[in-house]
Amino acid sequence: MSHPASSSSRCPRPWGTVGASLAAVAACTVCCAGPLLALVGGIGAASALASLWIPALAVVAGAAAVGAYVLHRRLRATACKTTAGPVDLGLPAVGTAPDDRVR
């Protein structure tokens, strides 16, 4: 003998849950799509600008390196120059009075 299917013994169908989930996804998409697209567009614009500026920054860095090298060589050449002739060390000569210092 078979029992008639009652409303409590049927398998529940999840279509209401699926429909609500799809509606939530659609609402989130409508709500958040603008800011997300703006973020992605901003990142794209920044990368496009950077692709133009990176070579220019490399040229500036190279010029700075050459300038630092030239400046270093000039300062080193100036520091190594000596003058010909006697150099006064500011010390008293041996055997002379303090008034007879060599100047």
Protein backbone atom coordinates (compact mmCIF):
# COMPACT_ATOMS: atom_id res chain seq x y z
CA MET A 1 0.00 0.00 0.00
CA SER A 2 1.42 3.34 -0.93
CA HIS A 3 1.07 6.42 1.09
CA PRO A 4 -0.01 9.59 -0.60
CA ALA A 5 2.67 12.28 -0.62
CA SER A 6 2.01 14.88 1.94
CA SER A 7 3.37 18.40 1.89
CA SER A 8 5.75 17.60 4.72
CA SER A 9 7.33 14.58 3.00
CA ARG A 10 8.21 16.30 -0.29
CA CYS A 11 11.81 17.27 -1.06
CA PRO A 12 12.17 21.00 -0.64
CA ARG A 13 13.14 22.80 -3.80
CA PRO A 14 15.80 25.49 -3.33
CA TRP A 15 14.54 27.75 -6.12
CA GLY A 16 13.55 30.45 -3.67
CA THR A 17 17.04 30.49 -2.16
CA VAL A 18 18.70 30.44 -5.60
CA GLY A 19 16.46 33.26 -6.80
CA ALA A 20 17.23 35.36 -3.73
CA SER A 21 20.95 34.68 -4.17
CA LEU A 22 20.84 35.73 -7.81
CA ALA A 23 18.95 38.88 -6.87
CA ALA A 24 21.60 39.68 -4.22
CA VAL A 25 24.39 39.14 -6.75
CA ALA A 26 22.65 41.38 -9.27
CA ALA A 27 22.13 44.11 -6.67
CA CYS A 28 25.77 43.91 -5.58
CA THR A 29 26.88 44.09 -9.20
CA VAL A 30 24.79 47.19 -9.85
CA CYS A 31 25.96 48.80 -6.61
CA CYS A 32 29.68 48.00 -6.77
CA ALA A 33 30.40 47.90 -10.48
CA GLY A 34 30.96 51.66 -10.81
CA PRO A 35 33.58 52.00 -8.07
CA LEU A 36 35.34 48.81 -9.16
CA LEU A 37 35.48 49.96 -12.77
CA ALA A 38 36.76 53.35 -11.61
CA LEU A 39 39.48 51.62 -9.60
CA VAL A 40 40.52 49.45 -12.53
CA GLY A 41 40.43 52.46 -14.86
CA GLY A 42 42.54 54.50 -12.45
CA ILE A 43 45.12 51.74 -12.24
CA GLY A 44 45.16 51.52 -16.04
CA ALA A 45 45.58 55.29 -16.40
CA ALA A 46 48.40 55.31 -13.84
CA SER A 47 50.19 52.49 -15.63
CA ALA A 48 49.82 54.26 -18.98
CA LEU A 49 51.25 57.45 -17.49
CA ALA A 50 54.06 55.49 -15.83
CA SER A 51 54.95 53.85 -19.13
CA LEU A 52 55.65 57.32 -20.51
CA TRP A 53 57.47 58.67 -17.44
CA ILE A 54 59.71 55.69 -16.62
CA PRO A 55 62.01 56.26 -19.63
CA ALA A 56 62.17 59.96 -18.78
CA LEU A 57 63.07 59.12 -15.18
CA ALA A 58 65.78 56.77 -16.45
CA VAL A 59 67.26 59.61 -18.49
CA VAL A 60 67.16 61.93 -15.46
CA ALA A 61 68.82 59.26 -13.29
CA GLY A 62 71.54 58.74 -15.91
CA ALA A 63 72.17 62.48 -16.14
CA ALA A 64 72.38 62.70 -12.34
CA ALA A 65 74.89 59.84 -12.26
CA VAL A 66 77.07 61.50 -14.92
CA GLY A 67 76.86 64.83 -13.08
CA ALA A 68 77.86 63.19 -9.79
CA TYR A 69 80.82 61.51 -11.49
CA VAL A 70 82.02 64.76 -13.07
CA LEU A 71 81.62 66.64 -9.79
CA HIS A 72 83.53 63.92 -7.94
CA ARG A 73 86.41 64.10 -10.42
CA ARG A 74 86.57 67.90 -10.18
CA LEU A 75 86.61 67.88 -6.39
CA ARG A 76 89.20 65.13 -6.33
CA ALA A 77 91.45 67.00 -8.79
CA THR A 78 91.13 70.18 -6.70
CA ALA A 79 91.95 68.32 -3.49
CA CYS A 80 95.09 66.77 -5.01
CA LYS A 81 96.59 70.05 -6.22
CA THR A 82 99.60 71.24 -4.23
CA THR A 83 101.44 74.51 -4.24
CA ALA A 84 105.15 74.66 -4.95
CA GLY A 85 107.43 76.08 -2.30
CA PRO A 86 107.85 75.93 1.43
CA VAL A 87 104.82 75.36 3.59
CA ASP A 88 104.49 77.06 6.96
CA LEU A 89 103.43 74.53 9.56
CA GLY A 90 103.11 77.12 12.32
CA LEU A 91 105.79 75.46 14.45
CA PRO A 92 108.68 77.36 16.00
CA ALA A 93 112.10 76.75 14.50
CA VAL A 94 114.64 74.87 16.58
CA GLY A 95 116.99 77.11 18.54
CA THR A 96 115.27 80.42 17.91
CA ALA A 97 113.52 82.74 20.29
CA PRO A 98 109.72 82.82 20.29
CA ASP A 99 109.81 86.28 18.66
CA ASP A 100 111.81 85.00 15.65
CA ARG A 101 109.27 82.58 14.27
CA VAL A 102 109.29 81.89 10.57
CA ARG A 103 106.19 83.21 8.96
